Amino acid sequence: MSSFGLLAAIWPLTTLGHYIQWHIIQISVANLVVIILMIVTFIVALFAPFPGRRRRKENP
């Protein structure tokens, strides 16, 4: 069996997705998780220091 077959067997793909509904907004849980991870990655990228920043400050 291929490695893809082993990974695909871990999660059953025949079930329906779970949805969150708030008034007129309806989104699947999987899409909400992806959106939250993208926002967290963007915020981390904003505040993470650049690797060469310290080196430039030490050598005026």
C-alpha atoms as a PDB file:
ATOM      1  CA  MET A   1       0.000   0.000   0.000  1.00  0.00           C
ATOM      2  CA  SER A   2       1.320   3.449  -0.825  1.00  0.00           C
ATOM      3  CA  SER A   3       1.986   6.102   1.807  1.00  0.00           C
ATOM      4  CA  PHE A   4      -0.925   8.152   0.437  1.00  0.00           C
ATOM      5  CA  GLY A   5      -3.249   5.229   1.058  1.00  0.00           C
ATOM      6  CA  LEU A   6      -2.052   4.969   4.642  1.00  0.00           C
ATOM      7  CA  LEU A   7      -2.591   8.675   5.286  1.00  0.00           C
ATOM      8  CA  ALA A   8      -5.988   8.724   3.628  1.00  0.00           C
ATOM      9  CA  ALA A   9      -7.155   5.882   5.855  1.00  0.00           C
ATOM     10  CA  ILE A  10      -6.501   7.909   9.031  1.00  0.00           C
ATOM     11  CA  TRP A  11      -9.433  10.290   8.533  1.00  0.00           C
ATOM     12  CA  PRO A  12     -12.761   9.093   7.105  1.00  0.00           C
ATOM     13  CA  LEU A  13     -13.671  11.228   4.120  1.00  0.00           C
ATOM     14  CA  THR A  14     -17.224   9.941   3.798  1.00  0.00           C
ATOM     15  CA  THR A  15     -18.608  12.056   6.673  1.00  0.00           C
ATOM     16  CA  LEU A  16     -20.227  15.439   6.219  1.00  0.00           C
ATOM     17  CA  GLY A  17     -18.361  18.557   7.245  1.00  0.00           C
ATOM     18  CA  HIS A  18     -19.241  20.532  10.336  1.00  0.00           C
ATOM     19  CA  TYR A  19     -20.502  24.075   9.861  1.00  0.00           C
ATOM     20  CA  ILE A  20     -20.762  27.113  12.103  1.00  0.00           C
ATOM     21  CA  GLN A  21     -23.680  29.422  11.430  1.00  0.00           C
ATOM     22  CA  TRP A  22     -24.066  32.918  12.826  1.00  0.00           C
ATOM     23  CA  HIS A  23     -27.025  34.849  11.395  1.00  0.00           C
ATOM     24  CA  ILE A  24     -26.337  34.982   7.638  1.00  0.00           C
ATOM     25  CA  ILE A  25     -22.704  33.805   7.878  1.00  0.00           C
ATOM     26  CA  GLN A  26     -22.053  30.085   7.426  1.00  0.00           C
ATOM     27  CA  ILE A  27     -18.519  28.658   7.332  1.00  0.00           C
ATOM     28  CA  SER A  28     -17.087  25.188   7.671  1.00  0.00           C
ATOM     29  CA  VAL A  29     -14.892  24.420  10.654  1.00  0.00           C
ATOM     30  CA  ALA A  30     -12.013  23.397   8.379  1.00  0.00           C
ATOM     31  CA  ASN A  31     -12.081  26.745   6.543  1.00  0.00           C
ATOM     32  CA  LEU A  32     -12.304  28.622   9.849  1.00  0.00           C
ATOM     33  CA  VAL A  33      -9.220  26.796  11.142  1.00  0.00           C
ATOM     34  CA  VAL A  34      -7.291  27.657   7.971  1.00  0.00           C
ATOM     35  CA  ILE A  35      -8.287  31.334   8.235  1.00  0.00           C
ATOM     36  CA  ILE A  36      -7.233  31.481  11.901  1.00  0.00           C
ATOM     37  CA  LEU A  37      -3.873  29.855  11.099  1.00  0.00           C
ATOM     38  CA  MET A  38      -3.268  32.367   8.286  1.00  0.00           C
ATOM     39  CA  ILE A  39      -4.017  35.295  10.620  1.00  0.00           C
ATOM     40  CA  VAL A  40      -1.719  33.896  13.323  1.00  0.00           C
ATOM     41  CA  THR A  41       1.062  33.388  10.763  1.00  0.00           C
ATOM     42  CA  PHE A  42       0.658  36.962   9.533  1.00  0.00           C
ATOM     43  CA  ILE A  43       0.828  38.377  13.074  1.00  0.00           C
ATOM     44  CA  VAL A  44       3.919  36.305  13.884  1.00  0.00           C
ATOM     45  CA  ALA A  45       5.559  37.529  10.668  1.00  0.00           C
ATOM     46  CA  LEU A  46       4.881  41.139  11.658  1.00  0.00           C
ATOM     47  CA  PHE A  47       6.538  40.841  15.071  1.00  0.00           C
ATOM     48  CA  ALA A  48       9.318  38.318  14.371  1.00  0.00           C
ATOM     49  CA  PRO A  49      12.749  39.945  14.168  1.00  0.00           C
ATOM     50  CA  PHE A  50      14.637  39.811  10.899  1.00  0.00           C
ATOM     51  CA  PRO A  51      17.896  37.804  11.067  1.00  0.00           C
ATOM     52  CA  GLY A  52      20.172  40.597   9.794  1.00  0.00           C
ATOM     53  CA  ARG A  53      18.729  43.391  11.912  1.00  0.00           C
ATOM     54  CA  ARG A  54      21.099  42.927  14.902  1.00  0.00           C
ATOM     55  CA  ARG A  55      24.173  42.760  12.702  1.00  0.00           C
ATOM     56  CA  ARG A  56      23.399  46.107  11.048  1.00  0.00           C
ATOM     57  CA  LYS A  57      22.903  47.888  14.410  1.00  0.00           C
ATOM     58  CA  GLU A  58      26.237  46.673  15.810  1.00  0.00           C
ATOM     59  CA  ASN A  59      28.242  47.931  12.790  1.00  0.00           C
ATOM     60  CA  PRO A  60      27.363  51.615  12.305  1.00  0.00           C
END
